[in-house]
Structures are given as C-alpha cells and as structure tokens.
C-alpha cells in the first residue's frame, strides 16, 4: 500500500522530496523501520522516512527513523522556531 501511494504521488505531484516518507502523526513502527523500508525502499522509490522525534539528525541516525521538529509539538510561534534553531546550531 505504501508503494502504491508513493507511485501515485509521483505521478500526480512530482518533486524532489517525493523520495521521502513522513510517518502519519510522526509515529514509526518496528516493522516499517526494521523490515519493510530496508527491504522495499529502493523498489518503491523511498530513500528515507521521518518521525516527529524532535531532535537533530546525526550521522548515526537511522534513515528509516529520521527525527524532525513539528509545528505545534516542538514549536508554536516564529519566535519559538527561531530559538529552537539557534539552540540546535550551538
């Protein structure tokens, strides 16, 4: 089902980010992270997947469970986003 959805999105709205997957509600499960994407990611055209982990990506981050900061969960205003980015850059 993920493969069909990815194929449909590429047909309808092609863009460079189409090879990235964001888990619904930011929640990844072990099957997708440990089995499905490592075995089928290349075939279905997905290079990496994002959670809502709320931390910086590092060299040791699992590409099938990359954290991201989300509006509403990790920041709510432009000022909060700016402060978050400044803290990360330190």
PDB file of N, CA and C in Angstrom:
ATOM      1  N   UNK A   1       0.813  -1.180   0.000  1.00  0.00           N
ATOM      2  CA  UNK A   1       0.000   0.000   0.000  1.00  0.00           C
ATOM      3  C   UNK A   1       0.871   1.263   0.000  1.00  0.00           C
ATOM      4  N   UNK A   2       1.956   1.287   0.763  1.00  0.00           N
ATOM      5  CA  UNK A   2       2.844   2.453   0.772  1.00  0.00           C
ATOM      6  C   UNK A   2       3.448   2.646  -0.615  1.00  0.00           C
ATOM      7  N   UNK A   3       3.843   1.547  -1.249  1.00  0.00           N
ATOM      8  CA  UNK A   3       4.407   1.628  -2.588  1.00  0.00           C
ATOM      9  C   UNK A   3       3.431   2.216  -3.587  1.00  0.00           C
ATOM     10  N   UNK A   4       2.177   1.788  -3.522  1.00  0.00           N
ATOM     11  CA  UNK A   4       1.167   2.329  -4.441  1.00  0.00           C
ATOM     12  C   UNK A   4       0.921   3.805  -4.177  1.00  0.00           C
ATOM     13  N   UNK A   5       0.886   4.184  -2.909  1.00  0.00           N
ATOM     14  CA  UNK A   5       0.684   5.598  -2.572  1.00  0.00           C
ATOM     15  C   UNK A   5       1.849   6.434  -3.080  1.00  0.00           C
ATOM     16  N   UNK A   6       3.085   5.950  -2.887  1.00  0.00           N
ATOM     17  CA  UNK A   6       4.260   6.689  -3.364  1.00  0.00           C
ATOM     18  C   UNK A   6       4.231   6.837  -4.881  1.00  0.00           C
ATOM     19  N   UNK A   7       3.847   5.780  -5.575  1.00  0.00           N
ATOM     20  CA  UNK A   7       3.763   5.828  -7.041  1.00  0.00           C
ATOM     21  C   UNK A   7       2.720   6.849  -7.483  1.00  0.00           C
ATOM     22  N   UNK A   8       1.582   6.860  -6.836  1.00  0.00           N
ATOM     23  CA  UNK A   8       0.509   7.801  -7.173  1.00  0.00           C
ATOM     24  C   UNK A   8       0.969   9.245  -6.942  1.00  0.00           C
ATOM     25  N   UNK A   9       1.615   9.505  -5.812  1.00  0.00           N
ATOM     26  CA  UNK A   9       2.091  10.862  -5.526  1.00  0.00           C
ATOM     27  C   UNK A   9       3.089  11.310  -6.584  1.00  0.00           C
ATOM     28  N   UNK A  10       3.998  10.425  -6.999  1.00  0.00           N
ATOM     29  CA  UNK A  10       4.974  10.792  -8.040  1.00  0.00           C
ATOM     30  C   UNK A  10       4.289  11.132  -9.357  1.00  0.00           C
ATOM     31  N   UNK A  11       3.226  10.423  -9.692  1.00  0.00           N
ATOM     32  CA  UNK A  11       2.504  10.701 -10.933  1.00  0.00           C
ATOM     33  C   UNK A  11       1.769  12.035 -10.871  1.00  0.00           C
ATOM     34  N   UNK A  12       1.159  12.315  -9.746  1.00  0.00           N
ATOM     35  CA  UNK A  12       0.305  13.492  -9.620  1.00  0.00           C
ATOM     36  C   UNK A  12       1.083  14.760  -9.285  1.00  0.00           C
ATOM     37  N   UNK A  13       2.100  14.652  -8.435  1.00  0.00           N
ATOM     38  CA  UNK A  13       2.815  15.844  -7.963  1.00  0.00           C
ATOM     39  C   UNK A  13       4.311  15.570  -7.848  1.00  0.00           C
ATOM     40  N   UNK A  14       4.941  15.405  -8.981  1.00  0.00           N
ATOM     41  CA  UNK A  14       6.371  15.094  -8.981  1.00  0.00           C
ATOM     42  C   UNK A  14       7.185  16.236  -8.384  1.00  0.00           C
ATOM     43  N   UNK A  15       8.118  15.888  -7.483  1.00  0.00           N
ATOM     44  CA  UNK A  15       9.058  16.850  -6.925  1.00  0.00           C
ATOM     45  C   UNK A  15      10.204  16.082  -6.275  1.00  0.00           C
ATOM     46  N   UNK A  16      11.329  16.737  -6.003  1.00  0.00           N
ATOM     47  CA  UNK A  16      12.484  16.033  -5.446  1.00  0.00           C
ATOM     48  C   UNK A  16      12.238  15.391  -4.091  1.00  0.00           C
ATOM     49  N   UNK A  17      11.335  15.933  -3.300  1.00  0.00           N
ATOM     50  CA  UNK A  17      11.078  15.385  -1.970  1.00  0.00           C
ATOM     51  C   UNK A  17      10.204  14.135  -2.004  1.00  0.00           C
ATOM     52  N   UNK A  18       9.759  13.746  -3.180  1.00  0.00           N
ATOM     53  CA  UNK A  18       8.865  12.594  -3.261  1.00  0.00           C
ATOM     54  C   UNK A  18       9.526  11.301  -2.811  1.00  0.00           C
ATOM     55  N   UNK A  19      10.831  11.269  -2.702  1.00  0.00           N
ATOM     56  CA  UNK A  19      11.533  10.061  -2.274  1.00  0.00           C
ATOM     57  C   UNK A  19      11.668  10.001  -0.745  1.00  0.00           C
ATOM     58  N   UNK A  20      10.974  10.929  -0.065  1.00  0.00           N
ATOM     59  CA  UNK A  20      10.984  10.967   1.393  1.00  0.00           C
ATOM     60  C   UNK A  20       9.596  10.634   1.914  1.00  0.00           C
ATOM     61  N   UNK A  21       9.546   9.916   3.016  1.00  0.00           N
ATOM     62  CA  UNK A  21       8.284   9.491   3.610  1.00  0.00           C
ATOM     63  C   UNK A  21       8.177  10.073   5.012  1.00  0.00           C
ATOM     64  N   UNK A  22       7.030  10.596   5.380  1.00  0.00           N
ATOM     65  CA  UNK A  22       6.778  11.069   6.739  1.00  0.00           C
ATOM     66  C   UNK A  22       5.701  10.173   7.348  1.00  0.00           C
ATOM     67  N   UNK A  23       6.035   9.541   8.458  1.00  0.00           N
ATOM     68  CA  UNK A  23       5.069   8.660   9.122  1.00  0.00           C
ATOM     69  C   UNK A  23       3.864   9.466   9.573  1.00  0.00           C
ATOM     70  N   UNK A  24       2.655   8.930   9.361  1.00  0.00           N
ATOM     71  CA  UNK A  24       1.457   9.625   9.826  1.00  0.00           C
ATOM     72  C   UNK A  24       1.544   9.877  11.338  1.00  0.00           C
ATOM     73  N   UNK A  25       1.280  11.080  11.738  1.00  0.00           N
ATOM     74  CA  UNK A  25       1.356  11.511  13.138  1.00  0.00           C
ATOM     75  C   UNK A  25       2.765  11.358  13.709  1.00  0.00           C
ATOM     76  N   UNK A  26       3.769  11.136  12.853  1.00  0.00           N
ATOM     77  CA  UNK A  26       5.151  11.045  13.287  1.00  0.00           C
ATOM     78  C   UNK A  26       5.540   9.744  13.951  1.00  0.00           C
ATOM     79  N   UNK A  27       4.633   8.767  13.962  1.00  0.00           N
ATOM     80  CA  UNK A  27       4.869   7.518  14.684  1.00  0.00           C
ATOM     81  C   UNK A  27       5.311   6.398  13.744  1.00  0.00           C
ATOM     82  N   UNK A  28       6.525   5.912  13.967  1.00  0.00           N
ATOM     83  CA  UNK A  28       7.066   4.808  13.174  1.00  0.00           C
ATOM     84  C   UNK A  28       6.910   3.513  13.961  1.00  0.00           C
ATOM     85  N   UNK A  29       6.646   2.425  13.260  1.00  0.00           N
ATOM     86  CA  UNK A  29       6.610   1.142  13.964  1.00  0.00           C
ATOM     87  C   UNK A  29       7.800   0.282  13.541  1.00  0.00           C
ATOM     88  N   UNK A  30       8.139  -0.695  14.347  1.00  0.00           N
ATOM     89  CA  UNK A  30       9.334  -1.514  14.110  1.00  0.00           C
ATOM     90  C   UNK A  30       9.300  -2.227  12.766  1.00  0.00           C
ATOM     91  N   UNK A  31       8.136  -2.718  12.364  1.00  0.00           N
ATOM     92  CA  UNK A  31       8.061  -3.435  11.088  1.00  0.00           C
ATOM     93  C   UNK A  31       8.504  -2.539   9.937  1.00  0.00           C
ATOM     94  N   UNK A  32       7.969  -1.319   9.878  1.00  0.00           N
ATOM     95  CA  UNK A  32       8.337  -0.421   8.780  1.00  0.00           C
ATOM     96  C   UNK A  32       9.804  -0.029   8.853  1.00  0.00           C
ATOM     97  N   UNK A  33      10.304   0.279  10.041  1.00  0.00           N
ATOM     98  CA  UNK A  33      11.691   0.738  10.219  1.00  0.00           C
ATOM     99  C   UNK A  33      12.695  -0.393   9.991  1.00  0.00           C
ATOM    100  N   UNK A  34      12.421  -1.558  10.548  1.00  0.00           N
ATOM    101  CA  UNK A  34      13.399  -2.653  10.537  1.00  0.00           C
ATOM    102  C   UNK A  34      13.266  -3.624   9.372  1.00  0.00           C
ATOM    103  N   UNK A  35      12.068  -3.704   8.780  1.00  0.00           N
ATOM    104  CA  UNK A  35      11.867  -4.690   7.713  1.00  0.00           C
ATOM    105  C   UNK A  35      11.395  -4.086   6.388  1.00  0.00           C
ATOM    106  N   UNK A  36      10.218  -3.441   6.416  1.00  0.00           N
ATOM    107  CA  UNK A  36       9.616  -3.013   5.150  1.00  0.00           C
ATOM    108  C   UNK A  36      10.495  -2.051   4.357  1.00  0.00           C
ATOM    109  N   UNK A  37      10.854  -0.916   4.948  1.00  0.00           N
ATOM    110  CA  UNK A  37      11.652   0.057   4.198  1.00  0.00           C
ATOM    111  C   UNK A  37      13.045  -0.451   3.832  1.00  0.00           C
ATOM    112  N   UNK A  38      13.779  -1.127   4.745  1.00  0.00           N
ATOM    113  CA  UNK A  38      15.086  -1.642   4.325  1.00  0.00           C
ATOM    114  C   UNK A  38      14.987  -2.631   3.154  1.00  0.00           C
ATOM    115  N   UNK A  39      13.924  -3.424   3.108  1.00  0.00           N
ATOM    116  CA  UNK A  39      13.769  -4.405   2.033  1.00  0.00           C
ATOM    117  C   UNK A  39      13.137  -3.831   0.773  1.00  0.00           C
ATOM    118  N   UNK A  40      12.247  -2.863   0.905  1.00  0.00           N
ATOM    119  CA  UNK A  40      11.458  -2.396  -0.239  1.00  0.00           C
ATOM    120  C   UNK A  40      11.631  -0.921  -0.580  1.00  0.00           C
ATOM    121  N   UNK A  41      12.364  -0.171   0.234  1.00  0.00           N
ATOM    122  CA  UNK A  41      12.509   1.267  -0.005  1.00  0.00           C
ATOM    123  C   UNK A  41      13.008   1.603  -1.394  1.00  0.00           C
ATOM    124  N   UNK A  42      14.060   0.950  -1.813  1.00  0.00           N
ATOM    125  CA  UNK A  42      14.615   1.232  -3.141  1.00  0.00           C
ATOM    126  C   UNK A  42      13.605   0.919  -4.247  1.00  0.00           C
ATOM    127  N   UNK A  43      12.945  -0.226  -4.143  1.00  0.00           N
ATOM    128  CA  UNK A  43      11.976  -0.646  -5.163  1.00  0.00           C
ATOM    129  C   UNK A  43      10.808   0.325  -5.284  1.00  0.00           C
ATOM    130  N   UNK A  44      10.330   0.838  -4.138  1.00  0.00           N
ATOM    131  CA  UNK A  44       9.180   1.743  -4.183  1.00  0.00           C
ATOM    132  C   UNK A  44       9.591   3.210  -4.304  1.00  0.00           C
ATOM    133  N   UNK A  45      10.903   3.471  -4.334  1.00  0.00           N
ATOM    134  CA  UNK A  45      11.385   4.827  -4.556  1.00  0.00           C
ATOM    135  C   UNK A  45      11.378   5.716  -3.323  1.00  0.00           C
ATOM    136  N   UNK A  46      11.603   5.130  -2.152  1.00  0.00           N
ATOM    137  CA  UNK A  46      11.682   5.907  -0.918  1.00  0.00           C
ATOM    138  C   UNK A  46      13.095   5.786  -0.368  1.00  0.00           C
ATOM    139  N   UNK A  47      13.744   6.924  -0.116  1.00  0.00           N
ATOM    140  CA  UNK A  47      15.129   6.938   0.361  1.00  0.00           C
ATOM    141  C   UNK A  47      15.261   7.096   1.869  1.00  0.00           C
ATOM    142  N   UNK A  48      14.264   7.687   2.520  1.00  0.00           N
ATOM    143  CA  UNK A  48      14.333   7.938   3.957  1.00  0.00           C
ATOM    144  C   UNK A  48      12.930   8.210   4.485  1.00  0.00           C
ATOM    145  N   UNK A  49      12.772   8.061   5.810  1.00  0.00           N
ATOM    146  CA  UNK A  49      11.472   8.291   6.437  1.00  0.00           C
ATOM    147  C   UNK A  49      11.649   9.103   7.717  1.00  0.00           C
ATOM    148  N   UNK A  50      10.678   9.975   7.987  1.00  0.00           N
ATOM    149  CA  UNK A  50      10.758  10.907   9.106  1.00  0.00           C
ATOM    150  C   UNK A  50       9.704  10.628  10.170  1.00  0.00           C
ATOM    151  N   UNK A  51      10.128  10.732  11.430  1.00  0.00           N
ATOM    152  CA  UNK A  51       9.238  10.680  12.576  1.00  0.00           C
ATOM    153  C   UNK A  51       9.076  12.105  13.102  1.00  0.00           C
ATOM    154  N   UNK A  52       8.424  12.243  14.233  1.00  0.00           N
ATOM    155  CA  UNK A  52       8.372  13.568  14.873  1.00  0.00           C
ATOM    156  C   UNK A  52       9.204  13.530  16.152  1.00  0.00           C
ATOM    157  N   UNK A  53      10.388  12.959  16.050  1.00  0.00           N
ATOM    158  CA  UNK A  53      11.257  12.748  17.195  1.00  0.00           C
ATOM    159  C   UNK A  53      11.735  13.991  17.905  1.00  0.00           C
ATOM    160  N   UNK A  54      11.771  15.129  17.238  1.00  0.00           N
ATOM    161  CA  UNK A  54      12.141  16.374  17.887  1.00  0.00           C
ATOM    162  C   UNK A  54      13.572  16.451  18.359  1.00  0.00           C
ATOM    163  N   UNK A  55      14.481  16.062  17.511  1.00  0.00           N
ATOM    164  CA  UNK A  55      15.909  16.176  17.812  1.00  0.00           C
ATOM    165  C   UNK A  55      16.664  16.323  16.502  1.00  0.00           C
ATOM    166  N   UNK A  56      17.904  16.783  16.550  1.00  0.00           N
ATOM    167  CA  UNK A  56      18.666  16.932  15.306  1.00  0.00           C
ATOM    168  C   UNK A  56      19.006  15.573  14.683  1.00  0.00           C
ATOM    169  N   UNK A  57      19.135  15.548  13.373  1.00  0.00           N
ATOM    170  CA  UNK A  57      19.608  14.366  12.672  1.00  0.00           C
ATOM    171  C   UNK A  57      21.130  14.332  12.815  1.00  0.00           C
ATOM    172  N   UNK A  58      21.659  13.152  13.102  1.00  0.00           N
ATOM    173  CA  UNK A  58      23.102  12.989  13.235  1.00  0.00           C
ATOM    174  C   UNK A  58      23.593  11.947  12.236  1.00  0.00           C
ATOM    175  N   UNK A  59      24.887  11.770  12.180  1.00  0.00           N
ATOM    176  CA  UNK A  59      25.462  10.764  11.279  1.00  0.00           C
ATOM    177  C   UNK A  59      25.021   9.350  11.640  1.00  0.00           C
ATOM    178  N   UNK A  60      24.632   9.131  12.872  1.00  0.00           N
ATOM    179  CA  UNK A  60      24.220   7.794  13.300  1.00  0.00           C
ATOM    180  C   UNK A  60      22.708   7.590  13.251  1.00  0.00           C
ATOM    181  N   UNK A  61      21.965   8.596  12.804  1.00  0.00           N
ATOM    182  CA  UNK A  61      20.509   8.464  12.716  1.00  0.00           C
ATOM    183  C   UNK A  61      20.129   7.388  11.707  1.00  0.00           C
ATOM    184  N   UNK A  62      19.137   6.590  12.060  1.00  0.00           N
ATOM    185  CA  UNK A  62      18.597   5.564  11.171  1.00  0.00           C
ATOM    186  C   UNK A  62      17.806   6.264  10.069  1.00  0.00           C
ATOM    187  N   UNK A  63      18.135   6.010   8.805  1.00  0.00           N
ATOM    188  CA  UNK A  63      17.457   6.732   7.716  1.00  0.00           C
ATOM    189  C   UNK A  63      15.981   6.383   7.588  1.00  0.00           C
ATOM    190  N   UNK A  64      15.539   5.321   8.248  1.00  0.00           N
ATOM    191  CA  UNK A  64      14.120   4.961   8.223  1.00  0.00           C
ATOM    192  C   UNK A  64      13.394   5.468   9.466  1.00  0.00           C
ATOM    193  N   UNK A  65      14.116   6.222  10.322  1.00  0.00           N
ATOM    194  CA  UNK A  65      13.520   6.803  11.531  1.00  0.00           C
ATOM    195  C   UNK A  65      14.200   8.146  11.812  1.00  0.00           C
ATOM    196  N   UNK A  66      14.224   9.029  10.824  1.00  0.00           N
ATOM    197  CA  UNK A  66      14.864  10.332  10.996  1.00  0.00           C
ATOM    198  C   UNK A  66      13.944  11.259  11.792  1.00  0.00           C
ATOM    199  N   UNK A  67      14.476  11.899  12.829  1.00  0.00           N
ATOM    200  CA  UNK A  67      13.641  12.807  13.615  1.00  0.00           C
ATOM    201  C   UNK A  67      13.415  14.130  12.886  1.00  0.00           C
ATOM    202  N   UNK A  68      12.335  14.788  13.222  1.00  0.00           N
ATOM    203  CA  UNK A  68      12.071  16.135  12.700  1.00  0.00           C
ATOM    204  C   UNK A  68      11.329  16.922  13.768  1.00  0.00           C
ATOM    205  N   UNK A  69      11.399  18.220  13.669  1.00  0.00           N
ATOM    206  CA  UNK A  69      10.677  19.108  14.568  1.00  0.00           C
ATOM    207  C   UNK A  69       9.367  19.486  13.880  1.00  0.00           C
ATOM    208  N   UNK A  70       8.275  19.448  14.621  1.00  0.00           N
ATOM    209  CA  UNK A  70       6.988  19.762  14.014  1.00  0.00           C
ATOM    210  C   UNK A  70       6.322  20.939  14.720  1.00  0.00           C
ATOM    211  N   UNK A  71       5.660  21.755  13.920  1.00  0.00           N
ATOM    212  CA  UNK A  71       4.910  22.895  14.442  1.00  0.00           C
ATOM    213  C   UNK A  71       3.754  22.373  15.291  1.00  0.00           C
ATOM    214  N   UNK A  72       3.597  22.965  16.453  1.00  0.00           N
ATOM    215  CA  UNK A  72       2.535  22.553  17.356  1.00  0.00           C
ATOM    216  C   UNK A  72       3.036  21.602  18.428  1.00  0.00           C
ATOM    217  N   UNK A  73       3.977  20.755  18.056  1.00  0.00           N
ATOM    218  CA  UNK A  73       4.540  19.818  19.022  1.00  0.00           C
ATOM    219  C   UNK A  73       5.842  20.357  19.626  1.00  0.00           C
ATOM    220  N   UNK A  74       6.731  20.872  18.773  1.00  0.00           N
ATOM    221  CA  UNK A  74       8.041  21.329  19.240  1.00  0.00           C
ATOM    222  C   UNK A  74       8.177  22.855  19.231  1.00  0.00           C
ATOM    223  N   UNK A  75       7.352  23.529  18.487  1.00  0.00           N
ATOM    224  CA  UNK A  75       7.339  24.989  18.440  1.00  0.00           C
ATOM    225  C   UNK A  75       5.977  25.442  17.958  1.00  0.00           C
ATOM    226  N   UNK A  76       5.576  26.641  18.384  1.00  0.00           N
ATOM    227  CA  UNK A  76       4.244  27.133  18.014  1.00  0.00           C
ATOM    228  C   UNK A  76       4.264  28.512  17.356  1.00  0.00           C
ATOM    229  N   UNK A  77       5.339  29.252  17.558  1.00  0.00           N
ATOM    230  CA  UNK A  77       5.412  30.610  17.010  1.00  0.00           C
ATOM    231  C   UNK A  77       6.725  30.762  16.244  1.00  0.00           C
ATOM    232  N   UNK A  78       6.805  31.772  15.383  1.00  0.00           N
ATOM    233  CA  UNK A  78       8.080  32.020  14.701  1.00  0.00           C
ATOM    234  C   UNK A  78       9.227  32.248  15.681  1.00  0.00           C
ATOM    235  N   UNK A  79       8.948  32.908  16.798  1.00  0.00           N
ATOM    236  CA  UNK A  79      10.000  33.143  17.797  1.00  0.00           C
ATOM    237  C   UNK A  79      10.473  31.830  18.416  1.00  0.00           C
ATOM    238  N   UNK A  80       9.548  30.940  18.713  1.00  0.00           N
ATOM    239  CA  UNK A  80       9.931  29.634  19.267  1.00  0.00           C
ATOM    240  C   UNK A  80      10.751  28.834  18.261  1.00  0.00           C
ATOM    241  N   UNK A  81      10.368  28.913  16.982  1.00  0.00           N
ATOM    242  CA  UNK A  81      11.148  28.225  15.949  1.00  0.00           C
ATOM    243  C   UNK A  81      12.554  28.811  15.884  1.00  0.00           C
ATOM    244  N   UNK A  82      12.665  30.119  15.891  1.00  0.00           N
ATOM    245  CA  UNK A  82      13.976  30.765  15.861  1.00  0.00           C
ATOM    246  C   UNK A  82      14.839  30.337  17.038  1.00  0.00           C
ATOM    247  N   UNK A  83      14.257  30.299  18.231  1.00  0.00           N
ATOM    248  CA  UNK A  83      15.002  29.877  19.421  1.00  0.00           C
ATOM    249  C   UNK A  83      15.437  28.423  19.294  1.00  0.00           C
ATOM    250  N   UNK A  84      14.568  27.584  18.782  1.00  0.00           N
ATOM    251  CA  UNK A  84      14.899  26.178  18.586  1.00  0.00           C
ATOM    252  C   UNK A  84      16.073  26.026  17.625  1.00  0.00           C
ATOM    253  N   UNK A  85      16.028  26.733  16.519  1.00  0.00           N
ATOM    254  CA  UNK A  85      17.107  26.657  15.538  1.00  0.00           C
ATOM    255  C   UNK A  85      18.412  27.209  16.080  1.00  0.00           C
ATOM    256  N   UNK A  86      18.332  28.277  16.859  1.00  0.00           N
ATOM    257  CA  UNK A  86      19.553  28.806  17.485  1.00  0.00           C
ATOM    258  C   UNK A  86      20.157  27.795  18.459  1.00  0.00           C
ATOM    259  N   UNK A  87      19.314  27.145  19.250  1.00  0.00           N
ATOM    260  CA  UNK A  87      19.805  26.134  20.202  1.00  0.00           C
ATOM    261  C   UNK A  87      20.464  24.962  19.474  1.00  0.00           C
ATOM    262  N   UNK A  88      19.890  24.548  18.364  1.00  0.00           N
ATOM    263  CA  UNK A  88      20.435  23.437  17.590  1.00  0.00           C
ATOM    264  C   UNK A  88      21.794  23.805  17.002  1.00  0.00           C
ATOM    265  N   UNK A  89      21.922  25.046  16.559  1.00  0.00           N
ATOM    266  CA  UNK A  89      23.160  25.484  15.902  1.00  0.00           C
ATOM    267  C   UNK A  89      24.336  25.573  16.879  1.00  0.00           C
ATOM    268  N   UNK A  90      24.075  25.629  18.169  1.00  0.00           N
ATOM    269  CA  UNK A  90      25.155  25.749  19.174  1.00  0.00           C
ATOM    270  C   UNK A  90      25.912  24.474  19.342  1.00  0.00           C
TER     271      UNK A  90
END
